[in-house]
Amino acid sequence: MTDGQLPEDQKSLARLYQETIDHHRAFLDRLHDAFNKRCESIGAESKKEISKLPEGKGVERKQILTREQKELDKTLEELKYAITKSNADARKKLEEIQEKIEEKSVDIESELADL
């Protein structure tokens, strides 16, 4: 988002700032829910595979659990990446809005000084 796309008045800027925070929180909540569902799915699939194995198949069970751990680790890395990217994007947008708010504040102060 560039300055040209930001609203000019303080109320709209403040509202946009809060909406950006709310949107980011909602995204993180959805991301968290998706992560939890994915982890549950991975675990359920592993349990299903293990339940099909006859007793005494320790090597096969260990392979299933190792694969499960790798999938969980990969899912966690994807979550970390998504959070990091989303945080950076939100921070950038909030900084742009804050700069515009401060710019408007300086304009008002200079106008008052001229009076």
Protein backbone atom coordinates (compact mmCIF):
# COMPACT_ATOMS: atom_id res chain seq x y z
CA MET A 1 0.00 0.00 0.00
CA THR A 2 1.38 3.41 -0.90
CA ASP A 3 0.61 6.78 0.64
CA GLY A 4 -1.65 7.60 -2.32
CA GLN A 5 -4.00 4.83 -1.28
CA LEU A 6 -4.30 5.91 2.33
CA PRO A 7 -7.21 8.08 3.44
CA GLU A 8 -6.46 11.69 4.30
CA ASP A 9 -8.48 12.29 7.46
CA GLN A 10 -7.40 11.25 10.95
CA LYS A 11 -10.57 9.28 11.75
CA SER A 12 -10.30 7.18 8.61
CA LEU A 13 -6.61 6.57 9.26
CA ALA A 14 -7.34 5.51 12.84
CA ARG A 15 -10.14 3.23 11.64
CA LEU A 16 -7.88 1.71 8.97
CA TYR A 17 -5.17 1.15 11.58
CA GLN A 18 -7.59 -0.73 13.85
CA GLU A 19 -9.10 -2.67 10.93
CA THR A 20 -5.60 -3.77 9.94
CA ILE A 21 -4.95 -5.06 13.44
CA ASP A 22 -8.33 -6.81 13.58
CA HIS A 23 -7.81 -8.38 10.15
CA HIS A 24 -4.37 -9.62 11.15
CA ARG A 25 -5.70 -11.14 14.38
CA ALA A 26 -8.51 -12.87 12.50
CA PHE A 27 -6.02 -14.24 9.97
CA LEU A 28 -3.80 -15.57 12.77
CA ASP A 29 -6.84 -17.22 14.39
CA ARG A 30 -7.75 -18.93 11.10
CA LEU A 31 -4.14 -19.96 10.61
CA HIS A 32 -4.03 -21.41 14.12
CA ASP A 33 -7.24 -23.37 13.54
CA ALA A 34 -5.95 -24.72 10.22
CA PHE A 35 -2.68 -25.73 11.87
CA ASN A 36 -4.49 -27.57 14.65
CA LYS A 37 -6.73 -29.39 12.17
CA ARG A 38 -3.75 -30.39 10.05
CA CYS A 39 -1.87 -31.73 13.09
CA GLU A 40 -4.95 -33.67 14.21
CA SER A 41 -5.32 -35.09 10.71
CA ILE A 42 -1.69 -36.19 10.61
CA GLY A 43 -2.02 -37.84 14.02
CA ALA A 44 -5.27 -39.57 13.12
CA GLU A 45 -3.80 -40.92 9.90
CA SER A 46 -0.78 -42.29 11.76
CA LYS A 47 -2.97 -43.94 14.39
CA LYS A 48 -5.08 -45.47 11.64
CA GLU A 49 -2.01 -46.89 9.92
CA ILE A 50 -0.61 -48.23 13.20
CA SER A 51 -3.93 -49.86 14.12
CA LYS A 52 -3.78 -51.89 10.90
CA LEU A 53 -0.41 -53.36 11.83
CA PRO A 54 -0.29 -56.67 13.64
CA GLU A 55 1.47 -56.88 17.00
CA GLY A 56 5.22 -57.27 16.83
CA LYS A 57 5.71 -54.87 13.92
CA GLY A 58 7.81 -52.41 15.92
CA VAL A 59 9.98 -51.35 12.97
CA GLU A 60 6.95 -50.47 10.86
CA ARG A 61 5.35 -48.59 13.75
CA LYS A 62 8.54 -46.63 14.25
CA GLN A 63 8.60 -45.75 10.53
CA ILE A 64 5.03 -44.49 10.72
CA LEU A 65 5.82 -42.41 13.81
CA THR A 66 8.98 -41.01 12.18
CA ARG A 67 6.98 -40.04 9.08
CA GLU A 68 4.34 -38.46 11.34
CA GLN A 69 7.01 -36.41 13.12
CA LYS A 70 8.44 -35.23 9.79
CA GLU A 71 4.99 -34.16 8.62
CA LEU A 72 4.34 -32.35 11.89
CA ASP A 73 7.72 -30.61 11.69
CA LYS A 74 7.00 -29.54 8.10
CA THR A 75 3.58 -28.24 9.12
CA LEU A 76 5.15 -26.27 11.96
CA GLU A 77 7.72 -24.74 9.61
CA GLU A 78 4.92 -23.73 7.24
CA LEU A 79 3.06 -22.14 10.14
CA LYS A 80 6.15 -20.23 11.24
CA TYR A 81 6.70 -18.95 7.69
CA ALA A 82 3.06 -17.87 7.31
CA ILE A 83 3.11 -16.06 10.65
CA THR A 84 6.41 -14.34 9.91
CA LYS A 85 5.22 -13.17 6.49
CA SER A 86 1.85 -12.03 7.78
CA ASN A 87 3.45 -10.17 10.68
CA ALA A 88 5.86 -8.40 8.32
CA ASP A 89 3.06 -7.42 5.93
CA ALA A 90 0.84 -6.16 8.75
CA ARG A 91 3.73 -4.28 10.37
CA LYS A 92 4.56 -2.57 7.07
CA LYS A 93 0.97 -1.48 6.55
CA LEU A 94 0.66 -0.24 10.14
CA GLU A 95 3.90 1.72 9.80
CA GLU A 96 2.63 3.37 6.60
CA ILE A 97 -0.61 4.33 8.34
CA GLN A 98 1.27 5.61 11.40
CA GLU A 99 3.57 7.70 9.23
CA LYS A 100 0.54 9.23 7.51
CA ILE A 101 -1.08 9.95 10.90
CA GLU A 102 2.11 11.62 12.13
CA GLU A 103 2.43 13.56 8.88
CA LYS A 104 -1.11 14.87 9.31
CA SER A 105 -0.38 15.71 12.93
CA VAL A 106 2.65 17.77 11.91
CA ASP A 107 0.53 19.55 9.29
CA ILE A 108 -2.05 20.49 11.92
CA GLU A 109 0.68 21.72 14.29
CA SER A 110 2.24 23.89 11.60
CA GLU A 111 -1.17 25.34 10.71
CA LEU A 112 -1.80 26.16 14.36
CA ALA A 113 1.63 27.78 14.61
CA ASP A 114 0.78 29.98 11.62
CA LEU A 115 -2.31 31.28 13.38
